[in-house]
Amino acid sequence: MNLKKLCEASHVTIYFDSWNNWLYLDWHGELTMPAVQRACQDIARCYLEYSCPRVLNSNTQVTHIDWQVLAWLAQQFLPLLRLAGVEQLVWVYGPTLRARDMAHETLTHFPSSGITLFGDMEDAVAWLQQTHPGYSSKGTPPPSSAASVKLTALLNAPTEQVLAEYSPA
């Protein structure tokens, strides 16, 4: 991987991998709803600048994640990424049994997500490289206008509004 750091938020570091043409999200620490929603604003900002059809998401350094976070991701944020043009999202779950179970539970809420789960980074990278749709010097098409509007609204909203609007009912 050839990583360019795009952003470092409180619980995620976001990179662009120019060799593989994907975003790499490296999550760490305890993931609460407010922390994840703020981080997702940063992810959306990076995605608008570096539209990629594939995302490599690592939770290997996550120490805890609330169940409500997974439900929010499955119901609110992941569909938005899909609409924006993410075709493949590879999720590397943490080393614990609970982390694996939570990742699988998320997929039950969002079965047609294009998410593929892995237990280690090496296998995830190898699989994602093998499914590479081909690098185009023209880049990935920008997100659809509807997705861009939603992503931009997420970015421009005050954090408190995001927390209120995008929180589970």
Foldseek 3Di string as FASTA:
>chain_A
DQWDFDDDAPFWTWTADPVQLEIEIEGAEAAEQLRVLVVLLVVLVVCQVRPGQEYEYEAQHYPYYDLQNLLLCLPPVLVLNVQFRHQAYEYAFYQDPVRVVSVVVSCVSHVVRNYDYDPDDVVSVVVSSVVRPDDDPVHDDGGDPVSNVVSVCSNPDDSVVSCVVSGDD
